[in-house]
N, C-alpha and C. Protein backbone atom coordinates (compact mmCIF):
# COMPACT_ATOMS: atom_id res chain seq x y z
N MET A 1 33.95 -11.71 -17.74
CA MET A 1 32.55 -11.65 -17.43
C MET A 1 32.13 -10.18 -17.41
N THR A 2 31.02 -9.89 -18.04
CA THR A 2 30.52 -8.52 -18.05
C THR A 2 29.30 -8.42 -17.16
N SER A 3 29.15 -7.28 -16.57
CA SER A 3 27.98 -7.08 -15.72
C SER A 3 26.98 -6.20 -16.46
N SER A 4 25.76 -6.44 -16.20
CA SER A 4 24.70 -5.67 -16.83
C SER A 4 24.63 -4.29 -16.21
N SER A 5 24.48 -3.27 -17.06
CA SER A 5 24.37 -1.92 -16.54
C SER A 5 22.93 -1.55 -16.25
N ARG A 6 21.99 -2.44 -16.57
CA ARG A 6 20.58 -2.17 -16.30
C ARG A 6 20.29 -2.33 -14.82
N LYS A 7 19.49 -1.42 -14.33
CA LYS A 7 19.06 -1.53 -12.94
C LYS A 7 18.03 -2.64 -12.83
N ALA A 8 17.97 -3.24 -11.66
CA ALA A 8 16.94 -4.25 -11.41
C ALA A 8 15.58 -3.57 -11.48
N SER A 9 14.59 -4.30 -11.97
CA SER A 9 13.26 -3.71 -12.06
C SER A 9 12.75 -3.43 -10.65
N PRO A 10 11.99 -2.33 -10.52
CA PRO A 10 11.53 -1.98 -9.17
C PRO A 10 10.59 -3.02 -8.60
N ARG A 11 10.60 -3.12 -7.30
CA ARG A 11 9.67 -3.99 -6.58
C ARG A 11 8.57 -3.10 -6.07
N TRP A 12 7.33 -3.44 -6.39
CA TRP A 12 6.20 -2.58 -6.10
C TRP A 12 5.32 -3.14 -5.00
N LEU A 13 4.72 -2.21 -4.26
CA LEU A 13 3.72 -2.53 -3.26
C LEU A 13 2.48 -1.70 -3.56
N LEU A 14 1.36 -2.19 -3.15
CA LEU A 14 0.14 -1.41 -3.16
C LEU A 14 -0.04 -0.92 -1.74
N GLU A 15 0.00 0.39 -1.56
CA GLU A 15 -0.08 0.97 -0.22
C GLU A 15 -1.45 1.60 -0.01
N ALA A 16 -2.13 1.15 1.03
CA ALA A 16 -3.40 1.75 1.43
C ALA A 16 -3.12 2.73 2.56
N THR A 17 -3.60 3.95 2.39
CA THR A 17 -3.53 4.93 3.48
C THR A 17 -4.95 5.11 4.01
N CYS A 18 -5.07 5.03 5.31
CA CYS A 18 -6.38 5.00 5.96
C CYS A 18 -6.49 6.17 6.93
N HIS A 19 -7.49 7.01 6.71
CA HIS A 19 -7.79 8.13 7.60
C HIS A 19 -8.94 7.69 8.49
N ALA A 20 -8.63 7.43 9.73
CA ALA A 20 -9.65 6.98 10.68
C ALA A 20 -10.67 8.08 10.92
N THR A 21 -11.92 7.68 10.98
CA THR A 21 -13.01 8.60 11.28
C THR A 21 -13.04 8.82 12.79
N HIS A 22 -12.90 10.07 13.18
CA HIS A 22 -12.87 10.38 14.61
C HIS A 22 -14.26 10.24 15.21
N ASP A 23 -14.30 9.49 16.27
CA ASP A 23 -15.56 9.21 16.96
C ASP A 23 -15.23 9.01 18.42
N ASN A 24 -16.16 9.27 19.24
CA ASN A 24 -15.97 9.04 20.67
C ASN A 24 -16.45 7.64 21.04
N GLY A 25 -15.84 7.09 22.04
CA GLY A 25 -16.33 5.84 22.59
C GLY A 25 -15.79 4.59 21.94
N SER A 26 -16.58 3.54 22.06
CA SER A 26 -16.13 2.22 21.67
C SER A 26 -15.95 2.08 20.16
N ALA A 27 -16.70 2.83 19.34
CA ALA A 27 -16.55 2.74 17.89
C ALA A 27 -15.15 3.17 17.46
N TRP A 28 -14.61 4.20 18.09
CA TRP A 28 -13.26 4.67 17.78
C TRP A 28 -12.23 3.58 18.06
N HIS A 29 -12.33 2.97 19.22
CA HIS A 29 -11.38 1.92 19.60
C HIS A 29 -11.54 0.68 18.72
N ALA A 30 -12.74 0.34 18.36
CA ALA A 30 -12.97 -0.81 17.49
C ALA A 30 -12.38 -0.56 16.10
N GLN A 31 -12.53 0.67 15.60
CA GLN A 31 -11.95 1.03 14.31
C GLN A 31 -10.43 0.92 14.34
N LEU A 32 -9.83 1.43 15.41
CA LEU A 32 -8.37 1.37 15.53
C LEU A 32 -7.88 -0.07 15.67
N GLU A 33 -8.62 -0.90 16.37
CA GLU A 33 -8.25 -2.31 16.48
C GLU A 33 -8.24 -2.98 15.12
N LEU A 34 -9.25 -2.68 14.30
CA LEU A 34 -9.29 -3.24 12.95
C LEU A 34 -8.06 -2.81 12.14
N LEU A 35 -7.78 -1.51 12.14
CA LEU A 35 -6.66 -0.99 11.35
C LEU A 35 -5.32 -1.52 11.88
N CYS A 36 -5.21 -1.61 13.18
CA CYS A 36 -3.98 -2.11 13.79
C CYS A 36 -3.73 -3.57 13.45
N SER A 37 -4.80 -4.32 13.19
CA SER A 37 -4.65 -5.75 12.90
C SER A 37 -4.02 -6.01 11.54
N VAL A 38 -4.04 -5.01 10.65
CA VAL A 38 -3.50 -5.23 9.30
C VAL A 38 -2.43 -4.22 8.90
N GLY A 39 -2.22 -3.17 9.71
CA GLY A 39 -1.28 -2.13 9.30
C GLY A 39 -0.56 -1.50 10.47
N PHE A 40 0.00 -0.34 10.19
CA PHE A 40 0.73 0.41 11.22
C PHE A 40 0.39 1.89 11.08
N PHE A 41 0.59 2.62 12.16
CA PHE A 41 0.31 4.06 12.15
C PHE A 41 1.57 4.82 11.77
N ASP A 42 1.44 5.73 10.81
CA ASP A 42 2.55 6.59 10.39
C ASP A 42 2.28 7.99 10.95
N PRO A 43 2.95 8.34 12.06
CA PRO A 43 2.66 9.64 12.68
C PRO A 43 3.07 10.83 11.81
N SER A 44 4.03 10.67 10.92
CA SER A 44 4.44 11.79 10.08
C SER A 44 3.36 12.19 9.09
N ARG A 45 2.52 11.23 8.70
CA ARG A 45 1.42 11.53 7.77
C ARG A 45 0.06 11.50 8.47
N ASP A 46 0.04 11.08 9.72
CA ASP A 46 -1.19 10.96 10.51
C ASP A 46 -2.20 10.03 9.83
N VAL A 47 -1.70 8.89 9.36
CA VAL A 47 -2.56 7.90 8.70
C VAL A 47 -2.12 6.50 9.12
N TRP A 48 -3.05 5.56 8.96
CA TRP A 48 -2.74 4.15 9.10
C TRP A 48 -2.30 3.66 7.72
N VAL A 49 -1.31 2.78 7.67
CA VAL A 49 -0.76 2.31 6.40
C VAL A 49 -0.82 0.79 6.36
N VAL A 50 -1.31 0.29 5.23
CA VAL A 50 -1.33 -1.15 4.97
C VAL A 50 -0.61 -1.36 3.64
N ARG A 51 0.38 -2.23 3.63
CA ARG A 51 1.14 -2.50 2.40
C ARG A 51 0.88 -3.92 1.94
N ILE A 52 0.58 -4.03 0.65
CA ILE A 52 0.28 -5.33 0.04
C ILE A 52 1.24 -5.53 -1.12
N GLY A 53 1.90 -6.69 -1.14
CA GLY A 53 2.88 -6.96 -2.19
C GLY A 53 2.56 -8.18 -3.01
N ALA A 54 1.50 -8.87 -2.70
CA ALA A 54 1.10 -10.05 -3.47
C ALA A 54 -0.37 -10.31 -3.19
N LEU A 55 -1.04 -10.86 -4.17
CA LEU A 55 -2.45 -11.21 -3.95
C LEU A 55 -2.50 -12.62 -3.41
N ASN A 56 -2.36 -12.71 -2.09
CA ASN A 56 -2.38 -13.99 -1.40
C ASN A 56 -3.42 -13.93 -0.27
N ALA A 57 -3.44 -14.94 0.56
CA ALA A 57 -4.43 -14.99 1.65
C ALA A 57 -4.28 -13.81 2.60
N ASP A 58 -3.05 -13.42 2.91
CA ASP A 58 -2.85 -12.27 3.80
C ASP A 58 -3.39 -10.99 3.18
N ALA A 59 -3.19 -10.81 1.87
CA ALA A 59 -3.69 -9.62 1.19
C ALA A 59 -5.22 -9.59 1.20
N LEU A 60 -5.84 -10.74 0.96
CA LEU A 60 -7.29 -10.79 0.97
C LEU A 60 -7.85 -10.48 2.36
N THR A 61 -7.18 -10.97 3.38
CA THR A 61 -7.59 -10.66 4.76
C THR A 61 -7.48 -9.16 5.01
N ALA A 62 -6.36 -8.56 4.58
CA ALA A 62 -6.17 -7.12 4.77
C ALA A 62 -7.23 -6.33 4.01
N LEU A 63 -7.50 -6.70 2.76
CA LEU A 63 -8.50 -5.99 1.97
C LEU A 63 -9.89 -6.12 2.58
N ASN A 64 -10.23 -7.29 3.07
CA ASN A 64 -11.53 -7.47 3.73
C ASN A 64 -11.63 -6.63 5.01
N THR A 65 -10.54 -6.55 5.74
CA THR A 65 -10.52 -5.75 6.96
C THR A 65 -10.68 -4.27 6.62
N LEU A 66 -10.00 -3.82 5.56
CA LEU A 66 -10.15 -2.43 5.14
C LEU A 66 -11.58 -2.14 4.69
N TYR A 67 -12.17 -3.08 3.97
CA TYR A 67 -13.55 -2.92 3.54
C TYR A 67 -14.48 -2.81 4.75
N GLU A 68 -14.24 -3.65 5.74
CA GLU A 68 -15.06 -3.60 6.96
C GLU A 68 -14.92 -2.25 7.66
N ALA A 69 -13.69 -1.74 7.76
CA ALA A 69 -13.47 -0.44 8.41
C ALA A 69 -14.18 0.67 7.64
N ALA A 70 -14.11 0.62 6.31
CA ALA A 70 -14.75 1.65 5.49
C ALA A 70 -16.27 1.57 5.59
N SER A 71 -16.81 0.37 5.55
CA SER A 71 -18.27 0.24 5.56
C SER A 71 -18.86 0.45 6.95
N ARG A 72 -18.17 0.00 7.97
CA ARG A 72 -18.71 0.10 9.33
C ARG A 72 -18.44 1.46 9.98
N TYR A 73 -17.21 2.01 9.76
CA TYR A 73 -16.81 3.22 10.47
C TYR A 73 -16.57 4.42 9.56
N ARG A 74 -16.81 4.26 8.25
CA ARG A 74 -16.57 5.31 7.26
C ARG A 74 -15.11 5.73 7.20
N THR A 75 -14.19 4.80 7.46
CA THR A 75 -12.77 5.06 7.33
C THR A 75 -12.47 5.39 5.88
N GLN A 76 -11.75 6.49 5.64
CA GLN A 76 -11.38 6.87 4.28
C GLN A 76 -10.11 6.14 3.90
N ILE A 77 -10.16 5.41 2.79
CA ILE A 77 -9.02 4.59 2.36
C ILE A 77 -8.69 4.90 0.91
N SER A 78 -7.41 5.10 0.64
CA SER A 78 -6.96 5.28 -0.74
C SER A 78 -5.77 4.36 -0.99
N PHE A 79 -5.63 3.95 -2.24
CA PHE A 79 -4.57 3.03 -2.63
C PHE A 79 -3.62 3.72 -3.60
N THR A 80 -2.32 3.49 -3.40
CA THR A 80 -1.30 4.07 -4.25
C THR A 80 -0.20 3.04 -4.46
N PRO A 81 0.26 2.87 -5.70
CA PRO A 81 1.43 2.01 -5.90
C PRO A 81 2.69 2.74 -5.44
N VAL A 82 3.52 2.06 -4.68
CA VAL A 82 4.77 2.64 -4.19
C VAL A 82 5.90 1.64 -4.37
N ALA A 83 7.10 2.16 -4.52
CA ALA A 83 8.27 1.28 -4.57
C ALA A 83 8.49 0.69 -3.18
N ALA A 84 8.87 -0.57 -3.14
CA ALA A 84 9.14 -1.23 -1.86
C ALA A 84 10.31 -0.52 -1.18
N PRO A 85 10.18 -0.24 0.12
CA PRO A 85 11.28 0.42 0.82
C PRO A 85 12.49 -0.51 0.93
N PRO A 86 13.69 0.05 1.07
CA PRO A 86 14.87 -0.79 1.24
C PRO A 86 14.70 -1.71 2.44
N GLY A 87 15.11 -2.94 2.29
CA GLY A 87 15.00 -3.90 3.38
C GLY A 87 13.66 -4.59 3.48
N TRP A 88 12.72 -4.28 2.59
CA TRP A 88 11.40 -4.91 2.61
C TRP A 88 11.57 -6.40 2.37
N GLN A 89 11.11 -7.23 3.29
CA GLN A 89 11.30 -8.67 3.22
C GLN A 89 10.07 -9.44 2.75
N ALA A 90 8.92 -8.81 2.79
CA ALA A 90 7.67 -9.48 2.40
C ALA A 90 7.55 -9.52 0.87
N PRO A 91 6.56 -10.24 0.36
CA PRO A 91 6.40 -10.32 -1.10
C PRO A 91 6.17 -8.94 -1.73
N THR A 92 6.53 -8.84 -3.00
CA THR A 92 6.30 -7.63 -3.79
C THR A 92 5.78 -8.03 -5.17
N PHE A 93 5.21 -7.04 -5.85
CA PHE A 93 4.86 -7.23 -7.25
C PHE A 93 6.13 -6.94 -8.05
N GLU A 94 6.71 -7.95 -8.65
CA GLU A 94 7.95 -7.74 -9.39
C GLU A 94 7.77 -8.02 -10.88
N ASP A 95 7.24 -9.14 -11.20
CA ASP A 95 7.13 -9.55 -12.59
C ASP A 95 5.68 -9.85 -12.92
N GLY A 96 5.37 -9.82 -14.17
CA GLY A 96 4.05 -10.23 -14.61
C GLY A 96 3.08 -9.07 -14.79
N GLU A 97 1.88 -9.45 -15.10
CA GLU A 97 0.85 -8.48 -15.46
C GLU A 97 0.50 -7.54 -14.32
N LEU A 98 0.39 -8.05 -13.09
CA LEU A 98 0.05 -7.18 -11.95
C LEU A 98 1.12 -6.13 -11.72
N ALA A 99 2.38 -6.53 -11.81
CA ALA A 99 3.46 -5.57 -11.62
C ALA A 99 3.42 -4.50 -12.69
N GLN A 100 3.09 -4.86 -13.91
CA GLN A 100 3.00 -3.88 -14.99
C GLN A 100 1.86 -2.90 -14.73
N LEU A 101 0.72 -3.40 -14.22
CA LEU A 101 -0.40 -2.52 -13.90
C LEU A 101 -0.03 -1.56 -12.77
N VAL A 102 0.64 -2.06 -11.75
CA VAL A 102 1.03 -1.21 -10.63
C VAL A 102 2.04 -0.17 -11.10
N ALA A 103 3.01 -0.57 -11.92
CA ALA A 103 4.02 0.36 -12.42
C ALA A 103 3.36 1.42 -13.31
N ALA A 104 2.41 1.02 -14.15
CA ALA A 104 1.72 1.97 -15.02
C ALA A 104 0.92 2.96 -14.19
N ALA A 105 0.28 2.49 -13.14
CA ALA A 105 -0.49 3.39 -12.27
C ALA A 105 0.44 4.39 -11.58
N ALA A 106 1.64 3.95 -11.24
CA ALA A 106 2.60 4.84 -10.60
C ALA A 106 3.07 5.92 -11.56
N ASP A 107 3.05 5.65 -12.86
CA ASP A 107 3.48 6.61 -13.87
C ASP A 107 2.41 7.64 -14.22
N GLN A 108 1.18 7.40 -13.82
CA GLN A 108 0.12 8.36 -14.14
C GLN A 108 0.43 9.70 -13.49
N GLY A 109 0.23 10.73 -14.24
CA GLY A 109 0.49 12.06 -13.72
C GLY A 109 1.92 12.52 -13.90
N ARG A 110 2.80 11.64 -14.34
CA ARG A 110 4.19 12.04 -14.58
C ARG A 110 4.27 12.67 -15.95
N ARG A 111 4.93 13.81 -16.07
CA ARG A 111 5.04 14.51 -17.33
C ARG A 111 5.99 13.77 -18.28
N LEU A 112 5.75 13.95 -19.56
CA LEU A 112 6.59 13.32 -20.57
C LEU A 112 8.04 13.74 -20.35
N GLY A 113 8.93 12.79 -20.26
CA GLY A 113 10.34 13.07 -20.06
C GLY A 113 10.77 13.16 -18.60
N GLN A 114 9.82 13.22 -17.68
CA GLN A 114 10.15 13.30 -16.26
C GLN A 114 10.54 11.90 -15.79
N LEU A 115 11.65 11.81 -15.08
CA LEU A 115 12.13 10.53 -14.60
C LEU A 115 11.30 10.07 -13.41
N PRO A 116 11.15 8.74 -13.26
CA PRO A 116 10.41 8.23 -12.08
C PRO A 116 11.11 8.63 -10.80
N ALA A 117 10.32 8.81 -9.77
CA ALA A 117 10.88 9.19 -8.46
C ALA A 117 11.64 8.05 -7.81
N ALA A 118 11.22 6.80 -8.07
CA ALA A 118 11.86 5.65 -7.43
C ALA A 118 12.83 5.00 -8.37
């Protein structure tokens, strides 16, 4: 029996990084409650992080919550395709058209001949 020398295709996530708009009072706490309901705080980057690995009901809920935070509190949100961290148990974009789009977006800005980081 021979084993394949090809690496498994990467598992991709769409990662939203959220910069909370600083405000005093109840608006600040309401904004944080929204972000906390769909993500986690990364103190090393000082941002809230939401990871999406499949377009399912949970992803739509997270996206709607992010939209609400952006429209109501002016939370700054950006999306980046990232490789799933080791041990990630939730769904990922692995095969199909969406995974190809996420992988292509991750390659933008990479110089010709430069190897992927993940």
